[in-house]
PDB file of N, CA and C in Angstrom:
ATOM      1  N   MET A   1      26.108 116.796  68.733  1.00  0.00           N
ATOM      2  CA  MET A   1      27.329 116.847  69.503  1.00  0.00           C
ATOM      3  C   MET A   1      28.380 115.923  68.901  1.00  0.00           C
ATOM      4  N   ASN A   2      27.968 114.744  68.460  1.00  0.00           N
ATOM      5  CA  ASN A   2      28.921 113.810  67.863  1.00  0.00           C
ATOM      6  C   ASN A   2      29.515 114.367  66.575  1.00  0.00           C
ATOM      7  N   LYS A   3      28.768 115.239  65.885  1.00  0.00           N
ATOM      8  CA  LYS A   3      29.273 115.831  64.649  1.00  0.00           C
ATOM      9  C   LYS A   3      30.469 116.744  64.916  1.00  0.00           C
ATOM     10  N   ILE A   4      30.574 117.262  66.105  1.00  0.00           N
ATOM     11  CA  ILE A   4      31.686 118.147  66.463  1.00  0.00           C
ATOM     12  C   ILE A   4      32.852 117.351  67.040  1.00  0.00           C
ATOM     13  N   ILE A   5      32.561 116.357  67.829  1.00  0.00           N
ATOM     14  CA  ILE A   5      33.605 115.589  68.509  1.00  0.00           C
ATOM     15  C   ILE A   5      34.430 114.766  67.523  1.00  0.00           C
ATOM     16  N   LEU A   6      33.791 114.093  66.605  1.00  0.00           N
ATOM     17  CA  LEU A   6      34.514 113.236  65.667  1.00  0.00           C
ATOM     18  C   LEU A   6      35.532 114.014  64.834  1.00  0.00           C
ATOM     19  N   PRO A   7      35.186 115.127  64.196  1.00  0.00           N
ATOM     20  CA  PRO A   7      36.208 115.887  63.448  1.00  0.00           C
ATOM     21  C   PRO A   7      37.333 116.407  64.348  1.00  0.00           C
ATOM     22  N   ALA A   8      37.003 116.796  65.569  1.00  0.00           N
ATOM     23  CA  ALA A   8      38.025 117.285  66.495  1.00  0.00           C
ATOM     24  C   ALA A   8      39.006 116.177  66.861  1.00  0.00           C
ATOM     25  N   VAL A   9      38.509 114.993  67.104  1.00  0.00           N
ATOM     26  CA  VAL A   9      39.363 113.854  67.435  1.00  0.00           C
ATOM     27  C   VAL A   9      40.231 113.480  66.228  1.00  0.00           C
ATOM     28  N   LEU A  10      39.643 113.452  65.052  1.00  0.00           N
ATOM     29  CA  LEU A  10      40.407 113.136  63.850  1.00  0.00           C
ATOM     30  C   LEU A  10      41.493 114.174  63.584  1.00  0.00           C
ATOM     31  N   ALA A  11      41.193 115.429  63.796  1.00  0.00           N
ATOM     32  CA  ALA A  11      42.188 116.487  63.606  1.00  0.00           C
ATOM     33  C   ALA A  11      43.329 116.345  64.605  1.00  0.00           C
ATOM     34  N   ALA A  12      42.999 116.031  65.843  1.00  0.00           N
ATOM     35  CA  ALA A  12      44.033 115.843  66.868  1.00  0.00           C
ATOM     36  C   ALA A  12      44.926 114.661  66.528  1.00  0.00           C
ATOM     37  N   LEU A  13      44.351 113.580  66.016  1.00  0.00           N
ATOM     38  CA  LEU A  13      45.150 112.418  65.629  1.00  0.00           C
ATOM     39  C   LEU A  13      46.048 112.732  64.435  1.00  0.00           C
ATOM     40  N   ALA A  14      45.549 113.498  63.497  1.00  0.00           N
ATOM     41  CA  ALA A  14      46.352 113.866  62.329  1.00  0.00           C
ATOM     42  C   ALA A  14      47.539 114.736  62.728  1.00  0.00           C
ATOM     43  N   ILE A  15      47.322 115.667  63.620  1.00  0.00           N
ATOM     44  CA  ILE A  15      48.408 116.534  64.084  1.00  0.00           C
ATOM     45  C   ILE A  15      49.439 115.724  64.852  1.00  0.00           C
ATOM     46  N   THR A  16      48.994 114.801  65.680  1.00  0.00           N
ATOM     47  CA  THR A  16      49.899 113.960  66.447  1.00  0.00           C
ATOM     48  C   THR A  16      50.732 113.069  65.531  1.00  0.00           C
ATOM     49  N   ALA A  17      50.126 112.549  64.485  1.00  0.00           N
ATOM     50  CA  ALA A  17      50.849 111.687  63.554  1.00  0.00           C
ATOM     51  C   ALA A  17      51.868 112.477  62.746  1.00  0.00           C
ATOM     52  N   ALA A  18      51.598 113.738  62.453  1.00  0.00           N
ATOM     53  CA  ALA A  18      52.504 114.558  61.647  1.00  0.00           C
ATOM     54  C   ALA A  18      53.617 115.190  62.476  1.00  0.00           C
ATOM     55  N   ALA A  19      53.500 115.228  63.773  1.00  0.00           N
ATOM     56  CA  ALA A  19      54.478 115.903  64.627  1.00  0.00           C
ATOM     57  C   ALA A  19      55.903 115.376  64.460  1.00  0.00           C
ATOM     58  N   PRO A  20      56.149 114.060  64.382  1.00  0.00           N
ATOM     59  CA  PRO A  20      57.533 113.604  64.208  1.00  0.00           C
ATOM     60  C   PRO A  20      58.172 114.097  62.913  1.00  0.00           C
ATOM     61  N   ALA A  21      57.407 114.289  61.882  1.00  0.00           N
ATOM     62  CA  ALA A  21      57.961 114.777  60.616  1.00  0.00           C
ATOM     63  C   ALA A  21      58.480 116.203  60.771  1.00  0.00           C
ATOM     64  N   PHE A  22      57.816 117.009  61.577  1.00  0.00           N
ATOM     65  CA  PHE A  22      58.274 118.370  61.798  1.00  0.00           C
ATOM     66  C   PHE A  22      59.462 118.411  62.752  1.00  0.00           C
ATOM     67  N   ALA A  23      59.570 117.450  63.643  1.00  0.00           N
ATOM     68  CA  ALA A  23      60.647 117.429  64.618  1.00  0.00           C
ATOM     69  C   ALA A  23      61.958 116.918  64.017  1.00  0.00           C
ATOM     70  N   ASN A  24      61.894 116.157  62.938  1.00  0.00           N
ATOM     71  CA  ASN A  24      63.095 115.614  62.318  1.00  0.00           C
ATOM     72  C   ASN A  24      63.804 116.716  61.536  1.00  0.00           C
ATOM     73  N   GLU A  25      64.920 117.169  62.056  1.00  0.00           N
ATOM     74  CA  GLU A  25      65.639 118.273  61.436  1.00  0.00           C
ATOM     75  C   GLU A  25      66.944 117.755  60.868  1.00  0.00           C
ATOM     76  N   ASP A  26      67.224 118.105  59.627  1.00  0.00           N
ATOM     77  CA  ASP A  26      68.468 117.687  58.998  1.00  0.00           C
ATOM     78  C   ASP A  26      69.636 118.438  59.613  1.00  0.00           C
ATOM     79  N   LYS A  27      70.765 117.771  59.691  1.00  0.00           N
ATOM     80  CA  LYS A  27      71.981 118.362  60.241  1.00  0.00           C
ATOM     81  C   LYS A  27      73.067 118.370  59.191  1.00  0.00           C
ATOM     82  N   VAL A  28      73.857 119.425  59.186  1.00  0.00           N
ATOM     83  CA  VAL A  28      75.030 119.548  58.336  1.00  0.00           C
ATOM     84  C   VAL A  28      76.186 119.899  59.262  1.00  0.00           C
ATOM     85  N   PHE A  29      77.092 118.958  59.460  1.00  0.00           N
ATOM     86  CA  PHE A  29      78.212 119.141  60.392  1.00  0.00           C
ATOM     87  C   PHE A  29      77.716 119.626  61.752  1.00  0.00           C
ATOM     88  N   ASP A  30      76.739 118.947  62.291  1.00  0.00           N
ATOM     89  CA  ASP A  30      76.158 119.231  63.608  1.00  0.00           C
ATOM     90  C   ASP A  30      75.482 120.596  63.717  1.00  0.00           C
ATOM     91  N   HIS A  31      75.173 121.218  62.592  1.00  0.00           N
ATOM     92  CA  HIS A  31      74.398 122.463  62.583  1.00  0.00           C
ATOM     93  C   HIS A  31      73.088 122.192  61.855  1.00  0.00           C
ATOM     94  N   SER A  32      72.084 122.918  62.223  1.00  0.00           N
ATOM     95  CA  SER A  32      70.802 122.814  61.536  1.00  0.00           C
ATOM     96  C   SER A  32      70.979 123.208  60.074  1.00  0.00           C
ATOM     97  N   SER A  33      70.426 122.416  59.168  1.00  0.00           N
ATOM     98  CA  SER A  33      70.526 122.755  57.744  1.00  0.00           C
ATOM     99  C   SER A  33      69.819 124.077  57.449  1.00  0.00           C
ATOM    100  N   VAL A  34      68.818 124.402  58.237  1.00  0.00           N
ATOM    101  CA  VAL A  34      68.113 125.681  58.077  1.00  0.00           C
ATOM    102  C   VAL A  34      69.055 126.834  58.422  1.00  0.00           C
ATOM    103  N   TYR A  35      69.784 126.685  59.526  1.00  0.00           N
ATOM    104  CA  TYR A  35      70.756 127.710  59.927  1.00  0.00           C
ATOM    105  C   TYR A  35      71.835 127.872  58.867  1.00  0.00           C
ATOM    106  N   VAL A  36      72.387 126.768  58.374  1.00  0.00           N
ATOM    107  CA  VAL A  36      73.448 126.814  57.362  1.00  0.00           C
ATOM    108  C   VAL A  36      72.928 127.489  56.093  1.00  0.00           C
ATOM    109  N   THR A  37      71.734 127.129  55.674  1.00  0.00           N
ATOM    110  CA  THR A  37      71.134 127.738  54.482  1.00  0.00           C
ATOM    111  C   THR A  37      70.967 129.238  54.668  1.00  0.00           C
ATOM    112  N   GLN A  38      70.467 129.652  55.819  1.00  0.00           N
ATOM    113  CA  GLN A  38      70.256 131.079  56.072  1.00  0.00           C
ATOM    114  C   GLN A  38      71.575 131.834  56.136  1.00  0.00           C
ATOM    115  N   ASP A  39      72.591 131.229  56.745  1.00  0.00           N
ATOM    116  CA  ASP A  39      73.881 131.894  56.871  1.00  0.00           C
ATOM    117  C   ASP A  39      74.538 132.088  55.507  1.00  0.00           C
ATOM    118  N   ILE A  40      74.468 131.077  54.659  1.00  0.00           N
ATOM    119  CA  ILE A  40      75.044 131.194  53.316  1.00  0.00           C
ATOM    120  C   ILE A  40      74.221 132.173  52.474  1.00  0.00           C
ATOM    121  N   ALA A  41      72.911 132.148  52.617  1.00  0.00           N
ATOM    122  CA  ALA A  41      72.052 133.087  51.884  1.00  0.00           C
ATOM    123  C   ALA A  41      72.345 134.526  52.295  1.00  0.00           C
ATOM    124  N   ALA A  42      72.710 134.737  53.556  1.00  0.00           N
ATOM    125  CA  ALA A  42      73.042 136.077  54.032  1.00  0.00           C
ATOM    126  C   ALA A  42      74.308 136.618  53.364  1.00  0.00           C
ATOM    127  N   GLN A  43      75.099 135.718  52.778  1.00  0.00           N
ATOM    128  CA  GLN A  43      76.300 136.131  52.061  1.00  0.00           C
ATOM    129  C   GLN A  43      75.987 136.519  50.618  1.00  0.00           C
ATOM    130  N   GLY A  44      74.720 136.458  50.235  1.00  0.00           N
ATOM    131  CA  GLY A  44      74.301 136.902  48.916  1.00  0.00           C
ATOM    132  C   GLY A  44      74.017 135.796  47.920  1.00  0.00           C
ATOM    133  N   PHE A  45      73.964 134.561  48.386  1.00  0.00           N
ATOM    134  CA  PHE A  45      73.700 133.431  47.499  1.00  0.00           C
ATOM    135  C   PHE A  45      72.234 133.030  47.566  1.00  0.00           C
ATOM    136  N   ASN A  46      71.666 132.603  46.433  1.00  0.00           N
ATOM    137  CA  ASN A  46      70.316 132.062  46.375  1.00  0.00           C
ATOM    138  C   ASN A  46      70.450 130.550  46.573  1.00  0.00           C
ATOM    139  N   VAL A  47      70.315 130.103  47.804  1.00  0.00           N
ATOM    140  CA  VAL A  47      70.594 128.716  48.187  1.00  0.00           C
ATOM    141  C   VAL A  47      69.355 127.856  48.008  1.00  0.00           C
ATOM    142  N   VAL A  48      69.532 126.732  47.313  1.00  0.00           N
ATOM    143  CA  VAL A  48      68.449 125.781  47.102  1.00  0.00           C
ATOM    144  C   VAL A  48      68.581 124.596  48.051  1.00  0.00           C
ATOM    145  N   ASN A  49      69.841 124.175  48.315  1.00  0.00           N
ATOM    146  CA  ASN A  49      70.080 122.993  49.136  1.00  0.00           C
ATOM    147  C   ASN A  49      71.472 123.081  49.746  1.00  0.00           C
ATOM    148  N   VAL A  50      71.644 122.486  50.927  1.00  0.00           N
ATOM    149  CA  VAL A  50      72.965 122.344  51.540  1.00  0.00           C
ATOM    150  C   VAL A  50      73.149 120.912  52.000  1.00  0.00           C
ATOM    151  N   GLU A  51      74.392 120.436  51.930  1.00  0.00           N
ATOM    152  CA  GLU A  51      74.693 119.081  52.387  1.00  0.00           C
ATOM    153  C   GLU A  51      76.174 118.957  52.687  1.00  0.00           C
ATOM    154  N   GLU A  52      76.521 117.902  53.419  1.00  0.00           N
ATOM    155  CA  GLU A  52      77.919 117.601  53.686  1.00  0.00           C
ATOM    156  C   GLU A  52      78.511 116.893  52.475  1.00  0.00           C
ATOM    157  N   TRP A  53      79.739 117.266  52.124  1.00  0.00           N
ATOM    158  CA  TRP A  53      80.440 116.587  51.043  1.00  0.00           C
ATOM    159  C   TRP A  53      81.904 116.561  51.423  1.00  0.00           C
ATOM    160  N   GLY A  54      82.350 115.394  51.879  1.00  0.00           N
ATOM    161  CA  GLY A  54      83.725 115.283  52.369  1.00  0.00           C
ATOM    162  C   GLY A  54      83.935 116.195  53.556  1.00  0.00           C
ATOM    163  N   GLU A  55      84.900 117.105  53.422  1.00  0.00           N
ATOM    164  CA  GLU A  55      85.183 118.030  54.519  1.00  0.00           C
ATOM    165  C   GLU A  55      84.582 119.412  54.278  1.00  0.00           C
ATOM    166  N   TYR A  56      83.665 119.520  53.337  1.00  0.00           N
ATOM    167  CA  TYR A  56      83.044 120.795  53.000  1.00  0.00           C
ATOM    168  C   TYR A  56      81.527 120.754  53.143  1.00  0.00           C
ATOM    169  N   VAL A  57      80.956 121.936  53.293  1.00  0.00           N
ATOM    170  CA  VAL A  57      79.519 122.122  53.135  1.00  0.00           C
ATOM    171  C   VAL A  57      79.327 122.520  51.680  1.00  0.00           C
ATOM    172  N   VAL A  58      78.494 121.797  50.975  1.00  0.00           N
ATOM    173  CA  VAL A  58      78.228 122.112  49.574  1.00  0.00           C
ATOM    174  C   VAL A  58      76.826 122.703  49.478  1.00  0.00           C
ATOM    175  N   ALA A  59      76.756 123.882  48.887  1.00  0.00           N
ATOM    176  CA  ALA A  59      75.469 124.552  48.688  1.00  0.00           C
ATOM    177  C   ALA A  59      75.149 124.553  47.207  1.00  0.00           C
ATOM    178  N   THR A  60      73.945 124.147  46.886  1.00  0.00           N
ATOM    179  CA  THR A  60      73.454 124.287  45.521  1.00  0.00           C
ATOM    180  C   THR A  60      72.844 125.672  45.445  1.00  0.00           C
ATOM    181  N   VAL A  61      73.386 126.499  44.550  1.00  0.00           N
ATOM    182  CA  VAL A  61      72.920 127.875  44.435  1.00  0.00           C
ATOM    183  C   VAL A  61      72.443 128.146  43.008  1.00  0.00           C
ATOM    184  N   VAL A  62      71.553 129.108  42.884  1.00  0.00           N
ATOM    185  CA  VAL A  62      71.019 129.503  41.584  1.00  0.00           C
ATOM    186  C   VAL A  62      71.395 130.967  41.362  1.00  0.00           C
ATOM    187  N   ASP A  63      71.993 131.253  40.191  1.00  0.00           N
ATOM    188  CA  ASP A  63      72.383 132.633  39.901  1.00  0.00           C
ATOM    189  C   ASP A  63      71.209 133.414  39.311  1.00  0.00           C
ATOM    190  N   ALA A  64      71.444 134.662  38.985  1.00  0.00           N
ATOM    191  CA  ALA A  64      70.383 135.552  38.491  1.00  0.00           C
ATOM    192  C   ALA A  64      69.794 135.090  37.167  1.00  0.00           C
ATOM    193  N   GLU A  65      70.561 134.298  36.408  1.00  0.00           N
ATOM    194  CA  GLU A  65      70.094 133.805  35.117  1.00  0.00           C
ATOM    195  C   GLU A  65      69.394 132.454  35.216  1.00  0.00           C
ATOM    196  N   GLY A  66      69.306 131.924  36.438  1.00  0.00           N
ATOM    197  CA  GLY A  66      68.616 130.658  36.652  1.00  0.00           C
ATOM    198  C   GLY A  66      69.486 129.424  36.544  1.00  0.00           C
ATOM    199  N   HIS A  67      70.806 129.600  36.455  1.00  0.00           N
ATOM    200  CA  HIS A  67      71.721 128.463  36.366  1.00  0.00           C
ATOM    201  C   HIS A  67      72.105 127.972  37.761  1.00  0.00           C
ATOM    202  N   SER A  68      72.084 126.664  37.944  1.00  0.00           N
ATOM    203  CA  SER A  68      72.475 126.060  39.215  1.00  0.00           C
ATOM    204  C   SER A  68      73.959 125.740  39.207  1.00  0.00           C
ATOM    205  N   SER A  69      74.579 125.877  40.381  1.00  0.00           N
ATOM    206  CA  SER A  69      75.975 125.498  40.531  1.00  0.00           C
ATOM    207  C   SER A  69      76.214 125.112  41.984  1.00  0.00           C
ATOM    208  N   PHE A  70      77.376 124.527  42.225  1.00  0.00           N
ATOM    209  CA  PHE A  70      77.760 124.139  43.578  1.00  0.00           C
ATOM    210  C   PHE A  70      78.796 125.120  44.102  1.00  0.00           C
ATOM    211  N   LYS A  71      78.633 125.516  45.351  1.00  0.00           N
ATOM    212  CA  LYS A  71      79.618 126.353  46.037  1.00  0.00           C
ATOM    213  C   LYS A  71      80.058 125.592  47.277  1.00  0.00           C
ATOM    214  N   TYR A  72      81.355 125.621  47.550  1.00  0.00           N
ATOM    215  CA  TYR A  72      81.933 124.867  48.653  1.00  0.00           C
ATOM    216  C   TYR A  72      82.306 125.822  49.779  1.00  0.00           C
ATOM    217  N   PHE A  73      81.905 125.460  51.006  1.00  0.00           N
ATOM    218  CA  PHE A  73      82.120 126.311  52.166  1.00  0.00           C
ATOM    219  C   PHE A  73      82.824 125.550  53.272  1.00  0.00           C
ATOM    220  N   ASP A  74      83.612 126.268  54.049  1.00  0.00           N
ATOM    221  CA  ASP A  74      84.259 125.703  55.228  1.00  0.00           C
ATOM    222  C   ASP A  74      83.172 125.383  56.256  1.00  0.00           C
ATOM    223  N   PRO A  75      83.178 124.187  56.844  1.00  0.00           N
ATOM    224  CA  PRO A  75      82.087 123.826  57.764  1.00  0.00           C
ATOM    225  C   PRO A  75      82.110 124.594  59.087  1.00  0.00           C
ATOM    226  N   ASP A  76      83.264 125.132  59.479  1.00  0.00           N
ATOM    227  CA  ASP A  76      83.338 125.858  60.748  1.00  0.00           C
ATOM    228  C   ASP A  76      82.948 127.324  60.608  1.00  0.00           C
ATOM    229  N   THR A  77      83.425 127.960  59.530  1.00  0.00           N
ATOM    230  CA  THR A  77      83.198 129.405  59.383  1.00  0.00           C
ATOM    231  C   THR A  77      82.141 129.724  58.330  1.00  0.00           C
ATOM    232  N   LEU A  78      81.779 128.750  57.513  1.00  0.00           N
ATOM    233  CA  LEU A  78      80.854 128.910  56.386  1.00  0.00           C
ATOM    234  C   LEU A  78      81.312 130.001  55.424  1.00  0.00           C
ATOM    235  N   THR A  79      82.624 130.122  55.282  1.00  0.00           N
ATOM    236  CA  THR A  79      83.181 131.021  54.269  1.00  0.00           C
ATOM    237  C   THR A  79      83.406 130.233  52.987  1.00  0.00           C
ATOM    238  N   LEU A  80      83.292 130.916  51.863  1.00  0.00           N
ATOM    239  CA  LEU A  80      83.453 130.297  50.551  1.00  0.00           C
ATOM    240  C   LEU A  80      84.885 129.812  50.391  1.00  0.00           C
ATOM    241  N   VAL A  81      85.024 128.533  50.012  1.00  0.00           N
ATOM    242  CA  VAL A  81      86.337 127.942  49.808  1.00  0.00           C
ATOM    243  C   VAL A  81      86.688 127.963  48.335  1.00  0.00           C
ATOM    244  N   ARG A  82      85.753 127.521  47.497  1.00  0.00           N
ATOM    245  CA  ARG A  82      85.946 127.543  46.046  1.00  0.00           C
ATOM    246  C   ARG A  82      84.624 127.543  45.335  1.00  0.00           C
TER     247      ARG A  82
END
C-alpha cells in the first residue's frame, strides 16, 4: 500500500509546485500574449514572439525562406503599421 501512496503524494506535490508557472501569463498591452500571437498569425504571419515596444506591438516573424524579421502592429487593432 505504501508503494502506491508515496508516488501519488509526490505527483500531487509536483503538480502543485508547477501550477504557478502555468498561471503566469504574459501580457502585451493588457492582452494575453497568446491571444495577440494568434490574432497576428491569423493575418498570415508565422509568429515566433510578440512584445511591447514603445507604442507598438512588435512581432518576430519568420518568412517562407526562414528569415526572421520584426513587424510592427497597432496595439488596439493589431493591424500592421510598418
